[in-house]
């Protein structure tokens, strides 16, 4: 049977501590069983192994840790289903990022919304990590998803996406709440998208002149 050998290799590679960490007999059995089942469903096993290592290192009782490990698998299942609903299937790295986002407070519908931005799976993976980090910083999940979705649709690079938590923290340092900071950045992204004639496609943002810089005054709005 191949699955146990795959899991054994993952145990060795999952963490620098894995070679030193010894699971109790019960936890080792649970990790093996959950890992085999997760692999059979196309789910990543690393989050399960990492949780087992963390819980064992903290001395969490086996019964509580077993429950926590099953929760991780449930979150992985939710992340995978939500990504599929958004058009991304079979990417275990994206699934793990989705599980991280769920742990931070996001929901399956949030993962689907980010997947539906039309960006490649690698970009959505970064977006999920960033959205989860924003939620951990105190940004409400809805505002986190709005901001990351807007940035993804603009075709932002992974480096730009990863800079978002720092930008939020900078605004918070100047007196804004996390929600206010994220909302302000979302409005700025929406304004940029509007100035580009709409959201950018997969090729990245358009590079037309910014609004008000063409030398022509803006037209008067039509009467209602």
N, C-alpha and C. Protein backbone atom coordinates (compact mmCIF):
# COMPACT_ATOMS: atom_id res chain seq x y z
N UNK A 1 0.86 -1.19 0.00
CA UNK A 1 0.00 0.00 0.00
C UNK A 1 0.89 1.23 0.00
N UNK A 2 0.58 2.20 -0.90
CA UNK A 2 1.50 3.32 -1.08
C UNK A 2 1.31 4.42 -0.05
N UNK A 3 0.07 4.66 0.41
CA UNK A 3 -0.21 5.84 1.20
C UNK A 3 0.62 5.94 2.48
N UNK A 4 0.77 4.87 3.27
CA UNK A 4 1.60 5.02 4.47
C UNK A 4 3.02 5.43 4.16
N UNK A 5 3.60 4.93 3.07
CA UNK A 5 4.97 5.31 2.76
C UNK A 5 5.04 6.78 2.36
N UNK A 6 4.01 7.27 1.64
CA UNK A 6 3.96 8.69 1.30
C UNK A 6 3.89 9.52 2.57
N UNK A 7 3.05 9.09 3.51
CA UNK A 7 2.91 9.83 4.75
C UNK A 7 4.19 9.82 5.56
N UNK A 8 4.89 8.70 5.55
CA UNK A 8 6.15 8.62 6.29
C UNK A 8 7.17 9.61 5.73
N UNK A 9 7.23 9.71 4.40
CA UNK A 9 8.13 10.69 3.80
C UNK A 9 7.72 12.10 4.18
N UNK A 10 6.42 12.37 4.21
CA UNK A 10 5.95 13.70 4.58
C UNK A 10 6.30 14.01 6.03
N UNK A 11 6.20 13.02 6.89
CA UNK A 11 6.56 13.23 8.29
C UNK A 11 8.01 13.65 8.43
N UNK A 12 8.87 13.07 7.63
CA UNK A 12 10.29 13.41 7.71
C UNK A 12 10.57 14.80 7.16
N UNK A 13 9.78 15.21 6.15
CA UNK A 13 10.05 16.48 5.48
C UNK A 13 9.25 17.64 6.04
N UNK A 14 8.25 17.37 6.87
CA UNK A 14 7.30 18.43 7.24
C UNK A 14 7.93 19.53 8.05
N UNK A 15 8.91 19.22 8.90
CA UNK A 15 9.43 20.23 9.81
C UNK A 15 10.83 19.86 10.24
N UNK A 16 11.67 20.87 10.52
CA UNK A 16 12.98 20.56 11.08
C UNK A 16 12.88 19.80 12.39
N UNK A 17 11.72 19.94 13.08
CA UNK A 17 11.56 19.25 14.36
C UNK A 17 11.09 17.81 14.19
N UNK A 18 10.69 17.46 12.96
CA UNK A 18 10.04 16.16 12.78
C UNK A 18 10.97 15.01 13.14
N UNK A 19 12.25 15.14 12.88
CA UNK A 19 13.17 14.07 13.21
C UNK A 19 13.35 13.88 14.70
N UNK A 20 13.06 14.97 15.48
CA UNK A 20 13.22 14.90 16.92
C UNK A 20 11.90 14.62 17.63
N UNK A 21 10.79 14.97 16.97
CA UNK A 21 9.49 14.85 17.60
C UNK A 21 9.01 13.41 17.57
N UNK A 22 8.58 12.91 18.71
CA UNK A 22 8.02 11.56 18.78
C UNK A 22 6.55 11.67 19.17
N UNK A 23 5.68 11.17 18.31
CA UNK A 23 4.27 11.14 18.65
C UNK A 23 4.02 9.98 19.61
N UNK A 24 3.00 10.15 20.44
CA UNK A 24 2.56 9.00 21.24
C UNK A 24 1.93 7.98 20.30
N UNK A 25 1.79 6.76 20.77
CA UNK A 25 1.24 5.72 19.92
C UNK A 25 -0.11 6.08 19.35
N UNK A 26 -0.99 6.66 20.18
CA UNK A 26 -2.34 6.99 19.70
C UNK A 26 -2.28 8.08 18.65
N UNK A 27 -1.51 9.14 18.88
CA UNK A 27 -1.44 10.24 17.92
C UNK A 27 -0.79 9.79 16.62
N UNK A 28 0.22 8.95 16.72
CA UNK A 28 0.85 8.44 15.50
C UNK A 28 -0.16 7.67 14.65
N UNK A 29 -1.01 6.90 15.31
CA UNK A 29 -2.03 6.13 14.59
C UNK A 29 -3.06 7.06 13.95
N UNK A 30 -3.46 8.10 14.70
CA UNK A 30 -4.45 9.05 14.18
C UNK A 30 -3.87 9.80 12.98
N UNK A 31 -2.63 10.27 13.10
CA UNK A 31 -2.00 11.00 12.01
C UNK A 31 -1.90 10.12 10.77
N UNK A 32 -1.51 8.86 10.96
CA UNK A 32 -1.40 7.94 9.85
C UNK A 32 -2.75 7.74 9.17
N UNK A 33 -3.78 7.51 9.98
CA UNK A 33 -5.11 7.27 9.43
C UNK A 33 -5.65 8.49 8.69
N UNK A 34 -5.56 9.66 9.32
CA UNK A 34 -6.06 10.89 8.68
C UNK A 34 -5.24 11.25 7.45
N UNK A 35 -3.94 11.01 7.53
CA UNK A 35 -3.08 11.33 6.38
C UNK A 35 -3.40 10.47 5.18
N UNK A 36 -3.63 9.18 5.40
CA UNK A 36 -3.97 8.28 4.29
C UNK A 36 -5.29 8.71 3.67
N UNK A 37 -6.29 9.01 4.52
CA UNK A 37 -7.60 9.42 4.00
C UNK A 37 -7.51 10.74 3.25
N UNK A 38 -6.73 11.70 3.79
CA UNK A 38 -6.58 13.00 3.13
C UNK A 38 -5.91 12.85 1.78
N UNK A 39 -4.85 12.05 1.72
CA UNK A 39 -4.14 11.84 0.46
C UNK A 39 -5.05 11.20 -0.58
N UNK A 40 -5.89 10.27 -0.15
CA UNK A 40 -6.81 9.62 -1.07
C UNK A 40 -7.80 10.60 -1.68
N UNK A 41 -8.12 11.69 -0.94
CA UNK A 41 -9.06 12.70 -1.43
C UNK A 41 -8.36 13.87 -2.10
N UNK A 42 -7.05 13.76 -2.28
CA UNK A 42 -6.31 14.83 -2.94
C UNK A 42 -6.00 16.01 -2.05
N UNK A 43 -6.05 15.82 -0.73
CA UNK A 43 -5.78 16.90 0.22
C UNK A 43 -4.33 16.85 0.66
N UNK A 44 -3.75 18.00 1.02
CA UNK A 44 -2.39 18.00 1.55
C UNK A 44 -2.36 17.43 2.96
N UNK A 45 -1.27 16.75 3.31
CA UNK A 45 -1.16 16.18 4.66
C UNK A 45 -0.31 17.06 5.58
N UNK A 46 0.45 17.99 5.02
CA UNK A 46 1.33 18.80 5.86
C UNK A 46 0.60 19.52 6.99
N UNK A 47 -0.58 20.15 6.75
CA UNK A 47 -1.25 20.83 7.86
C UNK A 47 -1.60 19.89 9.01
N UNK A 48 -1.94 18.66 8.68
CA UNK A 48 -2.26 17.68 9.73
C UNK A 48 -1.00 17.35 10.53
N UNK A 49 0.09 17.11 9.84
CA UNK A 49 1.34 16.76 10.50
C UNK A 49 1.84 17.92 11.36
N UNK A 50 1.75 19.13 10.81
CA UNK A 50 2.22 20.30 11.55
C UNK A 50 1.41 20.50 12.83
N UNK A 51 0.09 20.31 12.75
CA UNK A 51 -0.75 20.44 13.94
C UNK A 51 -0.40 19.37 14.97
N UNK A 52 -0.12 18.15 14.50
CA UNK A 52 0.26 17.08 15.42
C UNK A 52 1.57 17.39 16.11
N UNK A 53 2.53 17.90 15.36
CA UNK A 53 3.83 18.26 15.95
C UNK A 53 3.65 19.37 16.97
N UNK A 54 2.89 20.39 16.60
CA UNK A 54 2.66 21.52 17.51
C UNK A 54 1.95 21.08 18.78
N UNK A 55 0.89 20.28 18.61
CA UNK A 55 0.13 19.85 19.78
C UNK A 55 0.93 18.93 20.69
N UNK A 56 1.71 18.03 20.10
CA UNK A 56 2.54 17.13 20.91
C UNK A 56 3.61 17.91 21.66
N UNK A 57 4.20 18.91 20.99
CA UNK A 57 5.24 19.71 21.65
C UNK A 57 4.67 20.49 22.83
N UNK A 58 3.39 20.88 22.74
CA UNK A 58 2.75 21.64 23.82
C UNK A 58 2.16 20.73 24.90
N UNK A 59 2.23 19.44 24.68
CA UNK A 59 1.71 18.50 25.67
C UNK A 59 0.21 18.44 25.72
N UNK A 60 -0.46 18.75 24.61
CA UNK A 60 -1.92 18.69 24.58
C UNK A 60 -2.36 17.23 24.70
N UNK A 61 -3.34 16.95 25.55
CA UNK A 61 -3.80 15.56 25.72
C UNK A 61 -4.23 14.96 24.39
N UNK A 62 -4.03 13.65 24.28
CA UNK A 62 -4.27 12.95 23.01
C UNK A 62 -5.71 13.13 22.52
N UNK A 63 -6.68 13.11 23.44
CA UNK A 63 -8.08 13.22 23.01
C UNK A 63 -8.34 14.59 22.39
N UNK A 64 -7.86 15.65 23.04
CA UNK A 64 -8.05 17.00 22.49
C UNK A 64 -7.31 17.17 21.18
N UNK A 65 -6.11 16.64 21.10
CA UNK A 65 -5.32 16.78 19.88
C UNK A 65 -5.96 16.01 18.73
N UNK A 66 -6.50 14.85 19.01
CA UNK A 66 -7.19 14.09 17.97
C UNK A 66 -8.35 14.88 17.40
N UNK A 67 -9.12 15.53 18.28
CA UNK A 67 -10.23 16.37 17.83
C UNK A 67 -9.72 17.51 16.95
N UNK A 68 -8.63 18.13 17.37
CA UNK A 68 -8.06 19.24 16.60
C UNK A 68 -7.59 18.79 15.22
N UNK A 69 -7.02 17.60 15.16
CA UNK A 69 -6.55 17.07 13.86
C UNK A 69 -7.72 16.80 12.93
N UNK A 70 -8.82 16.31 13.48
CA UNK A 70 -9.99 16.07 12.64
C UNK A 70 -10.58 17.39 12.14
N UNK A 71 -10.50 18.42 12.95
CA UNK A 71 -10.96 19.75 12.52
C UNK A 71 -10.12 20.24 11.34
N UNK A 72 -8.81 20.03 11.41
CA UNK A 72 -7.93 20.44 10.31
C UNK A 72 -8.36 19.75 9.01
N UNK A 73 -8.64 18.46 9.08
CA UNK A 73 -9.05 17.74 7.87
C UNK A 73 -10.37 18.28 7.35
N UNK A 74 -11.31 18.58 8.25
CA UNK A 74 -12.59 19.16 7.83
C UNK A 74 -12.36 20.50 7.13
N UNK A 75 -11.44 21.31 7.66
CA UNK A 75 -11.15 22.60 7.05
C UNK A 75 -10.50 22.43 5.68
N UNK A 76 -9.65 21.44 5.55
CA UNK A 76 -9.05 21.15 4.25
C UNK A 76 -10.11 20.74 3.23
N UNK A 77 -11.06 19.92 3.66
CA UNK A 77 -12.15 19.52 2.78
C UNK A 77 -12.96 20.74 2.34
N UNK A 78 -13.26 21.63 3.30
CA UNK A 78 -14.01 22.85 2.97
C UNK A 78 -13.24 23.72 2.00
N UNK A 79 -11.95 23.88 2.24
CA UNK A 79 -11.12 24.70 1.34
C UNK A 79 -11.09 24.12 -0.06
N UNK A 80 -10.93 22.80 -0.16
CA UNK A 80 -10.87 22.16 -1.48
C UNK A 80 -12.18 22.33 -2.23
N UNK A 81 -13.31 22.12 -1.54
CA UNK A 81 -14.61 22.26 -2.19
C UNK A 81 -14.86 23.71 -2.62
N UNK A 82 -14.45 24.65 -1.78
CA UNK A 82 -14.66 26.06 -2.08
C UNK A 82 -13.81 26.51 -3.26
N UNK A 83 -12.59 26.01 -3.34
CA UNK A 83 -11.74 26.32 -4.49
C UNK A 83 -12.31 25.73 -5.77
N UNK A 84 -12.80 24.51 -5.70
CA UNK A 84 -13.42 23.90 -6.89
C UNK A 84 -14.60 24.73 -7.37
N UNK A 85 -15.39 25.24 -6.41
CA UNK A 85 -16.54 26.07 -6.79
C UNK A 85 -16.09 27.34 -7.49
N UNK A 86 -14.86 27.77 -7.21
CA UNK A 86 -14.33 28.96 -7.85
C UNK A 86 -13.49 28.68 -9.07
N UNK A 87 -13.38 27.42 -9.45
CA UNK A 87 -12.67 27.08 -10.67
C UNK A 87 -11.24 26.61 -10.49
N UNK A 88 -10.82 26.35 -9.26
CA UNK A 88 -9.45 25.87 -9.00
C UNK A 88 -9.56 24.48 -8.38
N UNK A 89 -8.98 23.49 -9.02
CA UNK A 89 -9.14 22.12 -8.56
C UNK A 89 -7.79 21.42 -8.49
N UNK A 90 -7.59 20.65 -7.40
CA UNK A 90 -6.44 19.76 -7.31
C UNK A 90 -5.13 20.41 -6.91
N UNK A 91 -5.13 21.69 -6.55
CA UNK A 91 -3.90 22.36 -6.14
C UNK A 91 -3.76 22.27 -4.63
N UNK A 92 -2.89 21.37 -4.16
CA UNK A 92 -2.79 21.13 -2.72
C UNK A 92 -2.21 22.33 -1.97
N UNK A 93 -1.36 23.12 -2.64
CA UNK A 93 -0.80 24.30 -1.98
C UNK A 93 -1.90 25.33 -1.74
N UNK A 94 -2.78 25.51 -2.74
CA UNK A 94 -3.90 26.42 -2.57
C UNK A 94 -4.86 25.92 -1.49
N UNK A 95 -5.07 24.60 -1.43
CA UNK A 95 -5.95 24.04 -0.41
C UNK A 95 -5.39 24.32 0.99
N UNK A 96 -4.09 24.14 1.16
CA UNK A 96 -3.47 24.42 2.46
C UNK A 96 -3.61 25.89 2.81
N UNK A 97 -3.48 26.79 1.82
CA UNK A 97 -3.66 28.21 2.08
C UNK A 97 -5.10 28.51 2.45
N UNK A 98 -6.04 27.80 1.82
CA UNK A 98 -7.44 27.97 2.18
C UNK A 98 -7.72 27.53 3.61
N UNK A 99 -7.09 26.43 4.02
CA UNK A 99 -7.26 25.98 5.41
C UNK A 99 -6.71 27.01 6.39
N UNK A 100 -5.58 27.62 6.05
CA UNK A 100 -5.02 28.69 6.88
C UNK A 100 -6.01 29.84 6.99
N UNK A 101 -6.62 30.22 5.86
CA UNK A 101 -7.57 31.33 5.87
C UNK A 101 -8.79 31.01 6.73
N UNK A 102 -9.26 29.77 6.65
CA UNK A 102 -10.40 29.36 7.48
C UNK A 102 -10.04 29.43 8.96
N UNK A 103 -8.85 28.98 9.30
CA UNK A 103 -8.39 29.05 10.68
C UNK A 103 -8.39 30.48 11.19
N UNK A 104 -8.08 31.43 10.28
CA UNK A 104 -8.03 32.85 10.67
C UNK A 104 -9.41 33.49 10.73
N UNK A 105 -10.46 32.79 10.29
CA UNK A 105 -11.80 33.34 10.42
C UNK A 105 -12.59 33.47 9.13
N UNK A 106 -11.97 33.15 7.97
CA UNK A 106 -12.70 33.22 6.72
C UNK A 106 -13.59 31.99 6.55
N UNK A 107 -14.50 32.08 5.58
CA UNK A 107 -15.44 30.99 5.33
C UNK A 107 -15.25 30.45 3.91
N UNK A 108 -15.93 29.34 3.65
CA UNK A 108 -15.81 28.74 2.33
C UNK A 108 -16.20 29.69 1.21
N UNK A 109 -17.27 30.48 1.43
CA UNK A 109 -17.70 31.42 0.39
C UNK A 109 -16.64 32.47 0.10
N UNK A 110 -15.85 32.83 1.13
CA UNK A 110 -14.77 33.79 0.93
C UNK A 110 -13.68 33.21 0.02
N UNK A 111 -13.36 31.95 0.25
CA UNK A 111 -12.36 31.27 -0.59
C UNK A 111 -12.84 31.20 -2.03
N UNK A 112 -14.13 30.89 -2.21
CA UNK A 112 -14.68 30.83 -3.56
C UNK A 112 -14.61 32.18 -4.25
N UNK A 113 -14.90 33.24 -3.50
CA UNK A 113 -14.85 34.58 -4.09
C UNK A 113 -13.44 34.92 -4.57
N UNK A 114 -12.44 34.59 -3.79
CA UNK A 114 -11.06 34.86 -4.20
C UNK A 114 -10.68 34.00 -5.40
N UNK A 115 -11.16 32.75 -5.44
CA UNK A 115 -10.85 31.88 -6.57
C UNK A 115 -11.50 32.37 -7.85
N UNK A 116 -12.60 33.08 -7.73
CA UNK A 116 -13.34 33.55 -8.90
C UNK A 116 -12.79 34.86 -9.47
N UNK A 117 -11.69 35.34 -8.93
CA UNK A 117 -11.10 36.56 -9.47
C UNK A 117 -10.46 36.32 -10.84
N UNK A 118 -10.32 35.07 -11.24
CA UNK A 118 -9.75 34.77 -12.54
C UNK A 118 -8.24 34.74 -12.57
N UNK A 119 -7.61 34.85 -11.43
CA UNK A 119 -6.16 34.82 -11.36
C UNK A 119 -5.67 33.38 -11.29
N UNK A 120 -4.39 33.13 -11.64
CA UNK A 120 -3.85 31.77 -11.54
C UNK A 120 -3.87 31.27 -10.10
N UNK A 121 -3.83 29.95 -9.97
CA UNK A 121 -3.88 29.34 -8.64
C UNK A 121 -2.77 29.85 -7.73
N UNK A 122 -1.59 30.09 -8.28
CA UNK A 122 -0.47 30.56 -7.46
C UNK A 122 -0.78 31.93 -6.86
N UNK A 123 -1.41 32.82 -7.64
CA UNK A 123 -1.76 34.14 -7.13
C UNK A 123 -2.88 34.05 -6.09
N UNK A 124 -3.85 33.19 -6.36
CA UNK A 124 -4.94 33.01 -5.39
C UNK A 124 -4.39 32.44 -4.08
N UNK A 125 -3.41 31.55 -4.18
CA UNK A 125 -2.79 31.00 -2.97
C UNK A 125 -2.20 32.11 -2.12
N UNK A 126 -1.46 33.02 -2.74
CA UNK A 126 -0.90 34.15 -1.99
C UNK A 126 -2.03 35.01 -1.43
N UNK A 127 -3.07 35.22 -2.24
CA UNK A 127 -4.20 36.01 -1.77
C UNK A 127 -4.87 35.41 -0.55
N UNK A 128 -5.01 34.09 -0.52
CA UNK A 128 -5.61 33.43 0.64
C UNK A 128 -4.75 33.62 1.88
N UNK A 129 -3.44 33.48 1.71
CA UNK A 129 -2.54 33.69 2.86
C UNK A 129 -2.63 35.12 3.37
N UNK A 130 -2.70 36.07 2.44
CA UNK A 130 -2.77 37.48 2.84
C UNK A 130 -4.11 37.78 3.51
N UNK A 131 -5.20 37.26 2.94
CA UNK A 131 -6.51 37.49 3.54
C UNK A 131 -6.57 36.92 4.96
N UNK A 132 -6.00 35.74 5.15
CA UNK A 132 -5.95 35.17 6.49
C UNK A 132 -5.12 36.01 7.45
N UNK A 133 -4.00 36.52 6.95
CA UNK A 133 -3.14 37.37 7.79
C UNK A 133 -3.85 38.66 8.16
N UNK A 134 -4.57 39.26 7.20
CA UNK A 134 -5.33 40.48 7.50
C UNK A 134 -6.38 40.21 8.57
N UNK A 135 -7.07 39.08 8.45
CA UNK A 135 -8.07 38.73 9.45
C UNK A 135 -7.43 38.57 10.83
N UNK A 136 -6.24 37.98 10.86
CA UNK A 136 -5.53 37.81 12.13
C UNK A 136 -5.10 39.15 12.72
N UNK A 137 -4.94 40.16 11.86
CA UNK A 137 -4.58 41.49 12.33
C UNK A 137 -5.79 42.28 12.83
N UNK A 138 -6.98 41.71 12.69
CA UNK A 138 -8.17 42.39 13.17
C UNK A 138 -9.07 42.95 12.09
N UNK A 139 -8.70 42.76 10.81
CA UNK A 139 -9.56 43.20 9.73
C UNK A 139 -10.73 42.22 9.63
N UNK A 140 -11.97 42.70 9.61
CA UNK A 140 -13.10 41.77 9.46
C UNK A 140 -12.95 40.94 8.19
N UNK A 141 -13.33 39.67 8.22
CA UNK A 141 -13.17 38.81 7.04
C UNK A 141 -13.74 39.42 5.77
N UNK A 142 -14.93 40.05 5.86
CA UNK A 142 -15.53 40.64 4.67
C UNK A 142 -14.63 41.70 4.06
N UNK A 143 -14.05 42.57 4.89
CA UNK A 143 -13.17 43.61 4.39
C UNK A 143 -11.86 43.01 3.85
N UNK A 144 -11.38 41.97 4.51
CA UNK A 144 -10.16 41.30 4.03
C UNK A 144 -10.37 40.76 2.62
N UNK A 145 -11.50 40.10 2.40
CA UNK A 145 -11.78 39.49 1.10
C UNK A 145 -12.00 40.58 0.05
N UNK A 146 -12.70 41.65 0.40
CA UNK A 146 -12.91 42.73 -0.55
C UNK A 146 -11.58 43.32 -1.01
N UNK A 147 -10.69 43.56 -0.06
CA UNK A 147 -9.41 44.17 -0.40
C UNK A 147 -8.57 43.23 -1.27
N UNK A 148 -8.43 41.99 -0.86
CA UNK A 148 -7.59 41.06 -1.61
C UNK A 148 -8.19 40.78 -2.98
N UNK A 149 -9.52 40.67 -3.06
CA UNK A 149 -10.17 40.45 -4.36
C UNK A 149 -9.89 41.61 -5.30
N UNK A 150 -10.01 42.84 -4.78
CA UNK A 150 -9.76 44.01 -5.63
C UNK A 150 -8.32 44.02 -6.13
N UNK A 151 -7.39 43.67 -5.26
CA UNK A 151 -5.98 43.67 -5.66
C UNK A 151 -5.69 42.55 -6.65
N UNK A 152 -6.30 41.40 -6.46
CA UNK A 152 -6.11 40.30 -7.40
C UNK A 152 -6.65 40.67 -8.78
N UNK A 153 -7.81 41.29 -8.81
CA UNK A 153 -8.40 41.67 -10.10
C UNK A 153 -7.59 42.74 -10.81
N UNK A 154 -6.83 43.52 -10.05
CA UNK A 154 -5.94 44.49 -10.68
C UNK A 154 -4.67 43.83 -11.23
N UNK A 155 -4.50 42.53 -10.95
CA UNK A 155 -3.32 41.83 -11.44
C UNK A 155 -2.07 42.12 -10.63
N UNK A 156 -2.25 42.41 -9.35
CA UNK A 156 -1.09 42.71 -8.51
C UNK A 156 -0.14 41.53 -8.44
N UNK A 157 1.13 41.82 -8.31
CA UNK A 157 2.14 40.78 -8.16
C UNK A 157 2.06 40.18 -6.76
N UNK A 158 2.59 38.97 -6.56
CA UNK A 158 2.63 38.40 -5.21
C UNK A 158 3.31 39.33 -4.21
N UNK A 159 4.37 40.02 -4.63
CA UNK A 159 5.05 40.93 -3.71
C UNK A 159 4.12 42.06 -3.27
N UNK A 160 3.32 42.58 -4.19
CA UNK A 160 2.37 43.64 -3.84
C UNK A 160 1.31 43.11 -2.89
N UNK A 161 0.83 41.89 -3.14
CA UNK A 161 -0.17 41.30 -2.25
C UNK A 161 0.39 41.11 -0.85
N UNK A 162 1.62 40.61 -0.79
CA UNK A 162 2.24 40.35 0.52
C UNK A 162 2.52 41.63 1.29
N UNK A 163 2.52 42.77 0.59
CA UNK A 163 2.76 44.05 1.27
C UNK A 163 1.50 44.60 1.93
N UNK A 164 0.34 44.03 1.61
CA UNK A 164 -0.91 44.59 2.13
C UNK A 164 -0.99 44.60 3.66
N UNK A 165 -0.64 43.51 4.36
CA UNK A 165 -0.71 43.59 5.83
C UNK A 165 0.13 44.72 6.40
N UNK A 166 1.32 44.95 5.84
CA UNK A 166 2.16 46.04 6.31
C UNK A 166 1.52 47.39 6.06
N UNK A 167 0.84 47.53 4.92
CA UNK A 167 0.16 48.79 4.61
C UNK A 167 -0.99 49.03 5.59
N UNK A 168 -1.71 47.97 5.92
CA UNK A 168 -2.79 48.10 6.91
C UNK A 168 -2.21 48.49 8.27
N UNK A 169 -1.13 47.82 8.68
CA UNK A 169 -0.52 48.14 9.97
C UNK A 169 -0.03 49.58 10.00
N UNK A 170 0.47 50.08 8.87
CA UNK A 170 0.92 51.47 8.82
C UNK A 170 -0.24 52.43 9.05
N UNK A 171 -1.39 52.14 8.44
CA UNK A 171 -2.57 53.00 8.64
C UNK A 171 -3.06 52.91 10.09
N UNK A 172 -3.01 51.72 10.65
CA UNK A 172 -3.43 51.55 12.05
C UNK A 172 -2.52 52.35 12.98
N UNK A 173 -1.23 52.38 12.66
CA UNK A 173 -0.28 53.16 13.47
C UNK A 173 -0.60 54.64 13.43
N UNK A 174 -1.31 55.08 12.38
CA UNK A 174 -1.68 56.49 12.26
C UNK A 174 -3.09 56.75 12.77
N UNK A 175 -3.68 55.78 13.46
CA UNK A 175 -4.95 56.02 14.12
C UNK A 175 -6.17 55.35 13.52
N UNK A 176 -6.04 54.70 12.39
CA UNK A 176 -7.19 54.01 11.79
C UNK A 176 -7.42 52.68 12.47
N UNK A 177 -8.66 52.21 12.43
CA UNK A 177 -8.91 50.84 12.86
C UNK A 177 -8.51 49.90 11.72
N UNK A 178 -8.30 48.62 12.00
CA UNK A 178 -7.98 47.69 10.91
C UNK A 178 -9.03 47.70 9.81
N UNK A 179 -10.31 47.77 10.19
CA UNK A 179 -11.38 47.79 9.19
C UNK A 179 -11.31 49.05 8.34
N UNK A 180 -11.08 50.20 8.97
CA UNK A 180 -10.98 51.46 8.23
C UNK A 180 -9.79 51.44 7.28
N UNK A 181 -8.67 50.91 7.76
CA UNK A 181 -7.47 50.86 6.93
C UNK A 181 -7.71 50.00 5.69
N UNK A 182 -8.32 48.82 5.88
CA UNK A 182 -8.58 47.94 4.75
C UNK A 182 -9.59 48.55 3.79
N UNK A 183 -10.62 49.19 4.34
CA UNK A 183 -11.63 49.82 3.49
C UNK A 183 -11.02 50.93 2.64
N UNK A 184 -10.12 51.71 3.23
CA UNK A 184 -9.47 52.77 2.48
C UNK A 184 -8.62 52.23 1.34
N UNK A 185 -7.90 51.16 1.60
CA UNK A 185 -7.10 50.54 0.54
C UNK A 185 -7.99 49.93 -0.54
N UNK A 186 -9.14 49.39 -0.14
CA UNK A 186 -10.06 48.84 -1.14
C UNK A 186 -10.61 49.94 -2.02
N UNK A 187 -10.96 51.09 -1.44
CA UNK A 187 -11.46 52.21 -2.24
C UNK A 187 -10.39 52.70 -3.22
N UNK A 188 -9.16 52.73 -2.76
CA UNK A 188 -8.07 53.16 -3.65
C UNK A 188 -7.91 52.18 -4.82
N UNK A 189 -8.02 50.88 -4.53
CA UNK A 189 -7.91 49.88 -5.60
C UNK A 189 -9.08 50.01 -6.57
N UNK A 190 -10.29 50.24 -6.03
CA UNK A 190 -11.46 50.40 -6.88
C UNK A 190 -11.31 51.63 -7.77
N UNK A 191 -10.77 52.71 -7.20
CA UNK A 191 -10.55 53.90 -7.98
C UNK A 191 -9.55 53.67 -9.10
N UNK A 192 -8.51 52.92 -8.81
CA UNK A 192 -7.52 52.61 -9.84
C UNK A 192 -8.14 51.74 -10.93
N UNK A 193 -8.96 50.77 -10.52
CA UNK A 193 -9.62 49.91 -11.51
C UNK A 193 -10.54 50.74 -12.40
N UNK A 194 -11.27 51.69 -11.80
CA UNK A 194 -12.14 52.55 -12.58
C UNK A 194 -11.36 53.42 -13.54
N UNK A 195 -10.19 53.90 -13.10
CA UNK A 195 -9.37 54.72 -13.97
C UNK A 195 -8.76 53.94 -15.12
N UNK A 196 -8.72 52.61 -14.96
CA UNK A 196 -8.18 51.76 -16.02
C UNK A 196 -9.27 51.25 -16.95
N UNK A 197 -10.50 51.69 -16.71
CA UNK A 197 -11.59 51.21 -17.55
C UNK A 197 -12.12 49.88 -17.09
N UNK A 198 -11.90 49.51 -15.82
CA UNK A 198 -12.40 48.25 -15.30
C UNK A 198 -11.27 47.40 -14.81
N UNK A 199 -11.60 46.28 -14.18
CA UNK A 199 -10.57 45.41 -13.63
C UNK A 199 -9.65 44.89 -14.72
N UNK A 200 -8.39 44.70 -14.35
CA UNK A 200 -7.42 44.17 -15.30
C UNK A 200 -7.67 42.70 -15.55
N UNK A 201 -7.33 42.26 -16.74
CA UNK A 201 -7.45 40.85 -17.06
C UNK A 201 -6.24 40.09 -16.59
N UNK A 202 -6.14 38.79 -16.95
CA UNK A 202 -5.03 37.97 -16.48
C UNK A 202 -3.67 38.48 -16.89
N UNK A 203 -3.60 39.35 -17.90
CA UNK A 203 -2.30 39.84 -18.32
C UNK A 203 -1.74 40.91 -17.42
N UNK A 204 -2.53 41.34 -16.41
CA UNK A 204 -2.03 42.36 -15.49
C UNK A 204 -2.75 43.66 -15.70
N UNK A 205 -2.45 44.67 -14.90
CA UNK A 205 -3.15 45.93 -14.98
C UNK A 205 -2.85 46.66 -16.27
N UNK A 206 -3.83 47.44 -16.76
CA UNK A 206 -3.61 48.29 -17.91
C UNK A 206 -2.76 49.48 -17.49
N UNK A 207 -2.19 50.14 -18.44
CA UNK A 207 -1.29 51.24 -18.11
C UNK A 207 -1.70 52.51 -18.83
N UNK A 208 -2.99 52.79 -18.87
CA UNK A 208 -3.47 54.04 -19.44
C UNK A 208 -3.19 55.20 -18.53
N UNK A 209 -3.41 56.45 -19.00
CA UNK A 209 -3.15 57.60 -18.16
C UNK A 209 -4.11 57.64 -17.00
N UNK A 210 -3.66 58.08 -15.83
CA UNK A 210 -4.54 58.15 -14.68
C UNK A 210 -5.62 59.19 -14.90
N UNK A 211 -6.75 59.07 -14.19
CA UNK A 211 -7.83 60.02 -14.39
C UNK A 211 -7.39 61.43 -14.08
N UNK A 212 -7.87 62.37 -14.90
CA UNK A 212 -7.56 63.76 -14.64
C UNK A 212 -6.23 64.20 -15.19
N UNK A 213 -5.48 63.32 -15.88
CA UNK A 213 -4.14 63.66 -16.36
C UNK A 213 -4.08 63.74 -17.89
N UNK A 214 -5.23 63.60 -18.55
CA UNK A 214 -5.20 63.56 -20.00
C UNK A 214 -5.17 64.94 -20.62
N UNK A 215 -5.35 66.00 -19.82
CA UNK A 215 -5.39 67.35 -20.36
C UNK A 215 -6.79 67.78 -20.72
N UNK A 216 -7.78 66.85 -20.68
CA UNK A 216 -9.15 67.18 -21.00
C UNK A 216 -9.96 67.21 -19.71
N UNK A 217 -10.82 68.21 -19.56
CA UNK A 217 -11.66 68.22 -18.35
C UNK A 217 -12.64 67.06 -18.40
N UNK A 218 -13.02 66.52 -17.27
CA UNK A 218 -13.97 65.41 -17.28
C UNK A 218 -15.32 65.88 -17.76
N UNK A 219 -16.08 65.04 -18.47
CA UNK A 219 -17.41 65.44 -18.94
C UNK A 219 -18.35 65.61 -17.77
N UNK A 220 -19.36 66.48 -17.98
CA UNK A 220 -20.38 66.64 -16.94
C UNK A 220 -21.20 65.37 -16.84
N UNK A 221 -21.57 64.97 -15.65
CA UNK A 221 -22.41 63.76 -15.53
C UNK A 221 -23.76 63.98 -16.16
N UNK A 222 -24.36 62.97 -16.75
CA UNK A 222 -25.69 63.14 -17.34
C UNK A 222 -26.74 63.43 -16.31
N UNK A 223 -27.76 64.17 -16.73
CA UNK A 223 -28.88 64.44 -15.80
C UNK A 223 -29.66 63.17 -15.59
N UNK A 224 -30.14 62.97 -14.38
CA UNK A 224 -30.94 61.77 -14.13
C UNK A 224 -32.23 61.77 -14.92
